Protein backbone atom coordinates (compact mmCIF):
# COMPACT_ATOMS: atom_id res chain seq x y z
CA MET A 1 122.23 75.65 112.46
CA PHE A 2 124.78 75.44 115.27
CA GLY A 3 123.99 78.50 117.33
CA ILE A 4 121.59 81.35 117.74
CA SER A 5 122.04 84.83 116.37
CA SER A 6 121.91 87.94 118.54
CA LYS A 7 118.99 89.08 116.38
CA ARG A 8 116.96 86.00 117.32
CA ARG A 9 117.95 86.47 120.97
CA ALA A 10 116.57 89.99 120.91
CA ALA A 11 113.35 88.88 119.23
CA THR A 12 112.64 86.03 121.64
CA ASN A 13 112.38 86.16 125.43
CA PHE A 14 114.13 82.93 126.27
CA PRO A 15 113.04 81.14 129.44
CA PRO A 16 115.87 79.30 131.22
CA LEU A 17 116.78 75.84 129.95
CA SER A 18 115.43 73.39 132.52
CA LEU A 19 116.65 69.76 132.56
CA TYR A 20 115.77 66.78 134.73
CA ASN A 21 118.90 65.74 136.61
CA THR A 22 118.89 62.02 137.41
CA GLU A 23 121.19 62.65 140.38
CA SER A 24 119.07 65.29 142.13
CA ARG A 25 115.82 63.77 140.81
CA ILE A 26 114.41 67.23 140.07
CA ARG A 27 114.37 69.64 137.14
CA GLU A 28 117.13 72.21 137.42
CA ASN A 29 117.87 75.36 135.47
CA PHE A 30 120.96 74.60 133.42
CA VAL A 31 124.04 76.57 134.48
CA PRO A 32 127.29 75.33 132.88
CA LEU A 33 130.66 75.27 134.60
CA HIS A 34 131.87 77.84 132.09
CA LYS A 35 129.64 80.65 130.91
CA HIS A 36 129.06 79.72 127.26
CA ASP A 37 130.93 76.44 126.76
CA VAL A 38 129.38 73.06 127.57
CA LEU A 39 131.36 69.84 128.16
CA MET A 40 129.20 66.83 127.31
CA TYR A 41 129.91 63.10 127.32
CA SER A 42 127.57 60.44 125.91
CA CYS A 43 128.06 56.73 126.53
CA GLY A 44 128.56 55.16 123.12
CA PRO A 45 127.96 51.72 121.66
CA THR A 46 129.78 48.48 122.29
CA VAL A 47 130.79 47.85 118.70
CA TYR A 48 130.34 44.07 118.45
CA ASP A 49 127.08 44.19 116.47
CA TYR A 50 124.66 46.56 114.78
CA ALA A 51 122.89 49.09 117.00
CA HIS A 52 119.17 48.38 117.28
CA ILE A 53 116.50 51.08 117.15
CA GLY A 54 116.24 51.11 120.96
CA ASN A 55 119.97 51.82 121.27
CA LEU A 56 119.64 54.67 118.78
CA ARG A 57 117.07 56.51 120.87
CA ALA A 58 119.86 57.54 123.27
CA TYR A 59 121.72 59.29 120.44
CA VAL A 60 118.66 61.04 118.99
CA PHE A 61 117.98 62.27 122.54
CA ALA A 62 121.59 63.45 123.00
CA ASP A 63 121.46 65.14 119.60
CA THR A 64 118.22 66.94 120.49
CA LEU A 65 119.83 68.09 123.73
CA LYS A 66 122.92 69.32 121.92
CA ARG A 67 120.87 71.14 119.29
CA THR A 68 118.87 72.77 122.09
CA LEU A 69 122.10 73.92 123.72
CA PHE A 70 123.22 75.38 120.39
CA TYR A 71 119.83 77.10 120.01
CA ASN A 72 120.31 78.67 123.44
CA GLY A 73 123.65 80.13 122.39
CA TYR A 74 126.09 77.62 123.89
CA SER A 75 129.03 75.94 122.21
CA VAL A 76 129.33 72.23 122.94
CA ASN A 77 132.47 70.11 123.21
CA HIS A 78 131.02 66.61 122.93
CA THR A 79 132.52 63.11 123.16
CA ILE A 80 130.89 59.81 122.21
CA ASN A 81 132.95 56.70 122.94
CA TYR A 82 133.22 53.38 121.16
CA THR A 83 133.64 50.42 123.52
CA ASP A 84 135.75 47.89 121.61
CA PHE A 85 136.77 45.65 124.55
CA GLY A 86 136.02 45.01 128.19
CA HIS A 87 132.20 45.19 128.22
CA LEU A 88 131.18 41.92 129.88
CA SER A 89 127.74 40.46 129.28
CA SER A 90 126.99 40.77 133.02
CA ASP A 91 127.30 43.90 135.13
CA GLY A 92 128.57 41.57 137.86
CA ASP A 93 131.98 41.42 136.13
CA HIS A 94 131.51 37.91 134.80
CA GLY A 95 130.36 36.35 131.55
CA ASP A 96 131.74 36.77 128.07
CA ASP A 97 133.25 39.98 126.79
CA LYS A 98 130.78 41.21 124.15
CA MET A 99 133.58 41.67 121.65
CA MET A 100 134.54 38.01 122.17
CA LYS A 101 130.93 37.05 121.49
CA GLY A 102 131.09 39.01 118.25
CA LEU A 103 134.30 37.29 117.17
CA SER A 104 132.80 33.88 117.92
CA ARG A 105 129.60 34.72 116.07
CA GLU A 106 131.49 35.73 112.94
CA GLY A 107 134.06 32.93 113.03
CA MET A 108 137.04 35.22 113.61
CA ASP A 109 140.13 34.21 115.55
CA ILE A 110 140.50 35.51 119.11
CA SER A 111 143.10 38.26 118.91
CA LEU A 112 143.45 41.99 119.42
CA GLU A 113 143.83 42.39 115.66
CA SER A 114 140.52 40.61 115.03
CA MET A 115 138.83 42.70 117.70
CA HIS A 116 140.00 45.82 115.88
CA LEU A 117 138.73 44.55 112.52
CA LEU A 118 135.36 43.59 114.01
CA SER A 119 134.94 46.92 115.74
CA ASP A 120 135.92 48.81 112.56
CA ARG A 121 132.98 47.17 110.79
CA TYR A 122 130.43 48.11 113.44
CA ILE A 123 131.86 51.58 114.05
CA LYS A 124 131.22 52.33 110.37
CA ALA A 125 127.69 50.91 110.64
CA PHE A 126 127.00 53.02 113.74
CA ASN A 127 128.30 56.18 112.08
CA ASP A 128 126.12 55.44 109.05
CA ASP A 129 123.12 55.21 111.39
CA LEU A 130 123.99 58.58 112.95
CA THR A 131 124.27 60.15 109.51
CA ALA A 132 120.95 58.64 108.39
CA LEU A 133 119.24 59.99 111.52
CA ASN A 134 120.67 63.47 110.84
CA ILE A 135 122.61 63.37 114.11
CA ILE A 136 125.40 65.93 114.39
CA PHE A 137 128.66 64.06 114.94
CA PRO A 138 130.38 64.75 118.29
CA THR A 139 133.41 66.97 118.57
CA GLN A 140 135.35 63.73 118.94
CA PHE A 141 134.72 60.00 118.98
CA ALA A 142 136.87 58.18 121.56
CA ARG A 143 137.77 54.55 120.94
CA ALA A 144 138.50 52.65 124.17
CA SER A 145 141.50 50.78 122.71
CA ASP A 146 143.14 54.12 121.89
CA TYR A 147 143.08 55.16 125.56
CA VAL A 148 144.43 52.10 127.38
CA ARG A 149 147.42 54.05 128.72
CA GLU A 150 145.09 56.64 130.24
CA GLN A 151 142.92 53.89 131.76
CA ILE A 152 145.95 52.21 133.36
CA THR A 153 147.11 55.57 134.74
CA LEU A 154 143.70 56.19 136.30
CA ILE A 155 143.70 52.73 137.92
CA LYS A 156 147.18 53.44 139.34
CA THR A 157 145.88 56.69 140.83
CA LEU A 158 142.99 54.87 142.52
CA GLU A 159 145.39 52.21 143.79
CA GLU A 160 147.74 54.82 145.25
CA LYS A 161 144.80 56.52 147.00
CA GLY A 162 143.74 53.24 148.60
CA TYR A 163 140.49 52.59 146.74
CA THR A 164 141.41 49.20 145.22
CA TYR A 165 142.07 45.60 146.19
CA SER A 166 143.22 42.50 144.31
CA THR A 167 141.44 39.20 143.66
CA SER A 168 142.43 36.19 141.61
CA ASP A 169 140.66 37.60 138.56
CA GLY A 170 141.53 41.29 138.73
CA ILE A 171 141.68 44.64 140.51
CA TYR A 172 138.46 45.90 142.10
CA PHE A 173 137.14 49.24 143.35
CA ASP A 174 136.15 49.10 147.02
CA ILE A 175 132.83 50.97 147.24
CA SER A 176 133.04 51.07 151.06
CA LYS A 177 135.77 53.70 150.58
CA PHE A 178 133.31 55.89 148.63
CA PRO A 179 130.38 56.57 151.02
CA THR A 180 128.07 58.16 148.41
CA TYR A 181 128.22 55.19 146.02
CA GLY A 182 124.79 54.55 144.52
CA ARG A 183 123.54 58.12 144.83
CA LEU A 184 122.64 58.19 141.14
CA GLY A 185 119.19 56.66 141.00
CA ASN A 186 119.13 56.48 144.83
CA ILE A 187 120.34 52.86 144.79
CA ASP A 188 119.81 50.91 148.01
CA LEU A 189 122.89 48.76 148.51
CA GLU A 190 121.34 46.59 151.20
CA GLY A 191 119.72 43.27 150.28
CA GLN A 192 119.04 41.51 147.02
CA GLU A 193 116.36 44.03 146.00
CA SER A 194 118.99 46.74 145.64
CA GLY A 195 118.46 47.05 141.92
CA ILE A 196 122.20 46.61 141.27
CA ARG A 197 122.70 44.04 138.53
CA VAL A 198 125.60 42.13 140.13
CA ALA A 199 126.28 38.55 141.13
CA VAL A 200 127.94 37.42 144.34
CA ASN A 201 131.67 36.77 143.95
CA PRO A 202 133.12 35.29 147.15
CA GLU A 203 136.36 37.26 146.68
CA LYS A 204 134.56 40.59 146.54
CA LYS A 205 134.29 42.60 149.74
CA HIS A 206 130.84 43.81 148.58
CA PRO A 207 128.70 42.47 145.71
CA ALA A 208 128.66 45.94 144.14
CA ASP A 209 132.45 46.32 144.05
CA PHE A 210 133.40 46.56 140.38
CA ALA A 211 136.38 45.55 138.27
CA LEU A 212 138.95 48.12 137.25
CA TRP A 213 141.19 45.49 135.62
CA LYS A 214 140.43 41.91 134.56
CA HIS A 215 143.25 39.39 134.14
CA GLY A 216 143.31 37.32 130.96
CA ALA A 217 145.57 35.58 128.49
CA LEU A 218 144.51 38.11 125.86
CA GLY A 219 144.80 41.83 126.35
CA PHE A 220 147.24 44.59 127.24
CA LYS A 221 150.32 44.51 129.45
CA SER A 222 150.25 46.31 132.80
CA GLN A 223 151.83 46.20 136.26
CA TRP A 224 148.99 43.80 137.22
CA GLY A 225 149.69 41.43 134.34
CA THR A 226 148.03 40.97 130.97
CA GLY A 227 144.34 41.80 130.70
CA PHE A 228 141.77 44.48 130.03
CA PRO A 229 140.63 47.61 131.86
CA GLY A 230 137.06 47.37 133.14
CA TRP A 231 134.15 48.86 131.21
CA HIS A 232 133.50 51.68 133.70
CA ILE A 233 137.11 52.87 133.88
CA GLU A 234 137.17 53.19 130.09
CA CYS A 235 134.55 55.93 130.09
CA SER A 236 136.07 57.93 132.94
CA ALA A 237 139.51 57.86 131.31
CA MET A 238 138.16 58.86 127.89
CA ALA A 239 136.09 61.67 129.40
CA PHE A 240 139.15 62.95 131.30
CA ALA A 241 141.35 62.76 128.20
CA THR A 242 138.95 64.48 125.81
CA LEU A 243 136.99 66.88 128.04
CA GLY A 244 138.77 67.27 131.36
CA LYS A 245 138.14 66.18 134.94
CA GLN A 246 134.70 67.80 135.27
CA LEU A 247 131.75 67.62 132.88
CA ASP A 248 128.65 69.71 132.53
CA ILE A 249 126.45 66.90 131.18
CA HIS A 250 126.74 63.12 130.99
CA THR A 251 124.06 61.26 128.99
CA GLY A 252 123.12 57.64 128.44
CA GLY A 253 120.24 55.19 128.59
CA VAL A 254 118.44 54.38 131.84
CA ASP A 255 120.10 50.94 131.88
CA ASN A 256 123.43 52.71 132.53
CA ILE A 257 122.29 54.34 135.77
CA SER A 258 122.56 51.71 138.49
CA THR A 259 125.95 50.15 137.77
CA HIS A 260 127.89 51.81 134.94
CA HIS A 261 127.28 55.44 135.80
CA ASN A 262 127.52 54.95 139.57
CA GLY A 263 130.84 53.25 138.87
CA GLU A 264 131.99 56.20 136.77
CA ILE A 265 131.04 58.65 139.50
CA ALA A 266 132.81 56.69 142.23
CA GLN A 267 136.11 56.13 140.43
CA SER A 268 136.23 59.62 138.88
CA GLU A 269 135.49 61.51 142.08
CA ALA A 270 137.73 59.22 144.14
CA ALA A 271 140.59 60.05 141.76
CA THR A 272 140.04 63.81 141.53
CA GLY A 273 138.14 64.85 144.65
CA LYS A 274 135.82 66.85 142.36
CA GLN A 275 132.25 66.40 141.17
CA PHE A 276 132.48 64.39 137.94
CA SER A 277 129.37 65.63 136.14
CA LYS A 278 127.06 68.43 137.14
CA TYR A 279 124.04 67.03 135.28
CA TRP A 280 123.12 63.42 134.47
CA LEU A 281 120.45 62.87 131.79
CA HIS A 282 119.04 59.51 130.72
CA SER A 283 116.65 58.36 128.02
CA GLU A 284 114.08 55.62 128.64
CA HIS A 285 113.71 52.31 126.80
CA ILE A 286 111.87 51.68 123.57
CA GLN A 287 109.63 48.63 123.91
CA ILE A 288 107.90 46.24 121.55
CA GLU A 289 104.69 44.77 122.96
CA ASN A 290 105.71 46.23 126.34
CA GLN A 291 109.02 44.35 126.32
CA LYS A 292 112.39 46.14 126.24
CA ILE A 293 114.13 45.96 122.85
CA SER A 294 117.18 43.75 123.23
CA LYS A 295 119.24 41.46 121.05
CA SER A 296 118.90 38.81 123.76
CA PHE A 297 115.10 38.98 123.45
CA GLY A 298 115.27 38.52 119.69
CA ASN A 299 113.51 41.83 118.97
CA GLY A 300 116.55 43.96 118.19
CA LEU A 301 115.25 45.70 115.07
CA THR A 302 117.81 47.81 113.22
CA LEU A 303 117.40 50.79 110.91
CA GLN A 304 117.96 48.37 108.04
CA THR A 305 114.87 46.47 109.21
CA LEU A 306 112.88 49.69 108.93
CA TYR A 307 114.35 50.43 105.50
CA ASP A 308 113.33 46.96 104.34
CA GLU A 309 109.76 47.71 105.48
CA GLY A 310 109.69 50.94 103.47
CA TYR A 311 110.42 53.52 106.17
CA THR A 312 113.19 56.12 106.46
CA ALA A 313 115.45 57.12 109.33
CA HIS A 314 113.89 60.60 109.35
CA GLU A 315 110.45 59.04 109.88
CA TYR A 316 111.80 57.04 112.81
CA ARG A 317 113.34 60.20 114.27
CA TYR A 318 109.98 61.96 113.92
CA TRP A 319 108.29 59.08 115.77
CA LEU A 320 110.85 59.27 118.59
CA LEU A 321 110.21 63.00 119.02
CA THR A 322 106.49 62.38 119.55
CA ALA A 323 107.38 60.84 122.94
CA HIS A 324 109.28 62.52 125.76
CA TYR A 325 112.79 61.13 126.14
CA ARG A 326 112.11 60.18 129.78
CA THR A 327 109.05 58.06 128.98
CA LYS A 328 108.93 54.50 127.69
CA ALA A 329 107.64 54.31 124.12
CA ASN A 330 105.99 51.24 122.63
CA PHE A 331 107.18 50.73 119.06
CA SER A 332 105.08 49.18 116.31
CA LEU A 333 104.97 49.49 112.55
CA THR A 334 101.41 50.83 112.92
CA ALA A 335 102.74 53.66 115.08
CA LEU A 336 105.52 54.26 112.56
CA ASP A 337 102.90 54.40 109.79
CA GLY A 338 101.31 57.37 111.55
CA ALA A 339 104.68 59.08 111.85
CA LYS A 340 105.37 58.40 108.16
CA GLN A 341 102.10 60.00 107.09
CA ALA A 342 102.65 63.09 109.27
CA PHE A 343 106.25 63.49 108.17
CA THR A 344 105.31 63.08 104.48
CA ARG A 345 102.81 65.92 104.86
CA LEU A 346 105.49 68.17 106.37
CA ARG A 347 107.88 67.36 103.52
CA ARG A 348 105.15 68.13 100.99
CA PHE A 349 104.49 71.51 102.60
CA MET A 350 108.20 72.37 102.72
CA PHE A 351 109.23 71.18 99.25
CA GLU A 352 106.04 71.49 97.20
CA ASP A 353 103.28 73.71 98.60
CA TRP A 354 105.54 76.32 100.22
CA ALA A 355 108.79 75.69 98.35
CA THR A 356 109.08 79.15 96.77
CA GLU A 357 107.40 81.13 99.55
CA LYS A 358 109.39 83.79 101.41
CA GLY A 359 108.89 85.19 104.89
CA LEU A 360 110.30 85.67 108.36
CA PRO A 361 109.88 83.33 111.33
CA SER A 362 106.95 84.09 113.61
CA THR A 363 108.31 85.45 116.88
CA GLU A 364 105.09 84.31 118.60
CA TYR A 365 105.69 80.71 117.57
CA GLN A 366 109.40 80.97 118.29
CA GLN A 367 108.50 81.96 121.83
CA LEU A 368 106.13 79.01 122.22
CA PHE A 369 108.75 76.71 120.71
CA VAL A 370 111.53 77.72 123.06
CA GLU A 371 109.20 77.54 126.07
CA ALA A 372 108.46 73.91 125.14
CA ILE A 373 111.95 72.75 124.17
CA ASN A 374 113.57 74.50 127.18
CA ASP A 375 111.11 72.65 129.42
CA ASP A 376 113.25 69.50 129.70
CA LEU A 377 113.18 68.95 125.92
CA ASN A 378 109.40 68.63 125.63
CA THR A 379 109.44 67.38 122.04
CA PRO A 380 105.82 66.02 122.10
CA LYS A 381 104.66 69.58 122.84
CA VAL A 382 106.90 70.89 120.06
CA ILE A 383 105.45 68.40 117.55
CA ALA A 384 101.93 69.50 118.55
CA LEU A 385 103.07 73.11 118.08
CA VAL A 386 104.33 72.28 114.58
CA TRP A 387 100.84 71.19 113.54
CA GLU A 388 99.25 74.18 115.24
CA LEU A 389 101.56 76.33 113.14
CA VAL A 390 100.66 74.46 109.94
CA ARG A 391 96.93 75.07 110.56
CA ASP A 392 97.29 78.73 111.60
CA GLU A 393 95.51 80.80 108.94
CA LYS A 394 96.89 84.07 110.32
CA LEU A 395 100.37 83.23 108.98
CA THR A 396 101.45 83.26 105.34
CA PRO A 397 102.97 80.10 103.81
CA GLY A 398 106.31 81.91 103.73
CA GLU A 399 106.15 82.67 107.46
CA LYS A 400 105.20 79.07 108.21
CA ARG A 401 108.08 77.75 106.14
CA ALA A 402 110.59 80.12 107.75
CA THR A 403 109.34 79.23 111.24
CA LEU A 404 109.57 75.49 110.57
CA LEU A 405 113.11 75.95 109.29
CA ASP A 406 113.90 77.71 112.56
CA PHE A 407 112.43 74.77 114.53
CA GLU A 408 114.44 72.40 112.30
CA ASN A 409 117.63 73.64 113.98
CA VAL A 410 116.57 71.61 117.02
CA LEU A 411 114.27 68.95 115.56
CA GLY A 412 116.85 67.71 113.03
CA LEU A 413 114.18 66.10 110.85
CA GLY A 414 115.81 66.96 107.56
CA LEU A 415 113.16 69.55 106.66
CA ASP A 416 115.99 71.63 105.19
CA ILE A 417 117.15 68.76 102.94
CA ASP A 418 115.64 68.40 99.48
CA PRO A 419 114.06 64.92 99.42
CA GLU A 420 115.15 64.49 95.82
CA ALA A 421 118.78 64.84 96.87
CA GLY A 422 118.53 63.02 100.19
CA ARG A 423 121.45 62.63 102.55
CA ILE A 424 123.67 59.67 101.80
CA ALA A 425 126.91 58.73 103.50
CA LEU A 426 129.51 58.14 100.80
CA GLY A 427 132.34 56.94 103.04
CA HIS A 428 135.48 58.74 104.21
CA LEU A 429 137.01 60.89 101.50
CA SER A 430 140.70 60.67 100.75
CA PRO A 431 142.62 63.97 101.10
CA LYS A 432 142.83 64.40 97.32
CA ASP A 433 139.00 64.25 97.07
CA ILE A 434 138.28 66.91 99.70
CA PRO A 435 137.50 70.30 98.09
CA ALA A 436 140.10 72.97 98.81
CA ASP A 437 137.67 75.27 100.66
CA ILE A 438 136.53 72.40 102.91
CA GLN A 439 140.13 71.37 103.64
CA ALA A 440 140.97 74.96 104.55
CA MET A 441 138.13 74.99 107.09
CA ILE A 442 139.26 71.61 108.47
CA ASP A 443 142.75 73.02 108.98
CA GLU A 444 141.35 76.14 110.65
CA ARG A 445 139.25 73.98 112.95
CA GLU A 446 142.24 71.84 113.94
CA ALA A 447 144.10 75.02 114.87
CA ALA A 448 141.10 76.16 116.94
CA ARG A 449 140.93 72.78 118.70
CA ILE A 450 144.64 72.87 119.55
CA ALA A 451 144.09 76.34 121.01
CA ARG A 452 141.00 74.98 122.86
CA ASN A 453 138.92 77.65 121.14
CA TRP A 454 135.77 75.50 121.25
CA PRO A 455 133.31 78.17 120.03
CA GLU A 456 135.36 78.68 116.86
CA ALA A 457 135.82 74.92 116.40
CA ASP A 458 132.03 74.43 116.72
CA ARG A 459 131.35 77.26 114.27
CA LEU A 460 133.65 75.72 111.67
CA ARG A 461 132.17 72.23 112.18
CA GLY A 462 128.73 73.73 111.61
CA THR A 463 129.82 75.50 108.43
CA ILE A 464 131.39 72.30 107.11
CA ALA A 465 128.18 70.36 107.87
CA GLN A 466 126.01 72.95 106.13
CA LYS A 467 128.14 72.49 103.02
CA GLY A 468 127.32 68.78 103.04
CA TYR A 469 130.33 67.24 104.81
CA GLN A 470 130.38 65.42 108.15
CA LEU A 471 133.58 65.73 110.21
CA GLU A 472 134.73 62.90 112.45
CA ASP A 473 137.62 63.31 114.89
CA THR A 474 139.70 60.14 115.20
CA ALA A 475 142.99 59.13 116.78
CA GLU A 476 144.51 59.39 113.29
CA GLY A 477 143.19 62.91 112.78
CA PRO A 478 139.99 64.33 111.27
CA LYS A 479 138.13 62.28 108.66
CA ILE A 480 135.55 63.74 106.30
CA THR A 481 132.40 62.14 104.91
CA GLN A 482 130.27 63.63 102.16
CA THR A 483 126.65 63.59 103.28
CA LEU A 484 124.70 65.62 100.76
């Protein structure tokens, strides 16, 4: 599931993996910084509320990308962050902190302890959504509040290099000192039509200057007083701490491009003098009636909403894969009905009609599959290929089943999971409840991680997952969830 065998390599003439790079605005053949090991960072949720189905598209996309990298023979060291403070409701560095909004909504007192309790609740909900969608957990989750020291250190570095200035409300990054600011998305900094979602602050030297530190009565102590690191600096510091100063791939939603990701690039490259990420990949919005899904618009449907309507997370994932990740997709229950019917047919083939059939994957279809998926993750073409395979009378049912199971390595639709058993998150297991063979593999993986032997760590994570256990790396050490 988490790699590709030399036998399959020999049987299939792999075209190069081509990905659309938001920075260069062209498709590029993927060449990692290191020959076989990929460093990948995905912007994670702000954990003040449940993720809606539009938010979750970014993680299905990142998962499809990661599975494609595995299929092409790479190991992947992957970080997803949790933002549990500092994400203001406006990109212009004003408005309420979203965590504060969550505390107010739920009648909790305003304190760091309450923030932690609130974020715990929504971190668990987010992880449950990932499990339901059959998303492979990252190598590590990074929680912003666990990396405050690293964030402060990075701000100090920028200050020492002359990239910052002080205002009455915080410490700001001076974009005039970074001439290529805005290159991601080709942002025009001149005029109000720049596309940068900022408001004019009379103390800022430029409207697009962004906060590295915000003063406040609540927060963490620093040389600048009590307060919080800015949202952008959180991600750079967590990426540095978990992956290093240079990444192969950074992913997120298109709404991150103009401000958040340009901020990350500026502060990271100003601090290190090196290119921060070689490739930037972004997924488009999901819309309802041609309007972006957003909690503020009152259309923030969650997976639970879909469950209540009689749909499954796997059916939603199937529907997402019928659209290319870089295109807007208009969601409706009617559209999801179509996905449900198609997915139900595939499950019937796999677990009823062809359940006992044996065969080998079709190398012809494998070739067509990899040509499609390596073409900037062309999942709509892959889904069309799946149905071409189903209808192909030249193949035996056993060959069809084996080929679909091969595709499943990338599609992640749960076609290898018996629908009678399902996949249910049972919560973190205590050490005494973890089987001895699973614990032994966890210990081996920790040793591999300490040695930075990422291929071996990935292999062990994959073996653990195949045995029905999801591994989550936390600041307190690895936690295990039974999923099968």
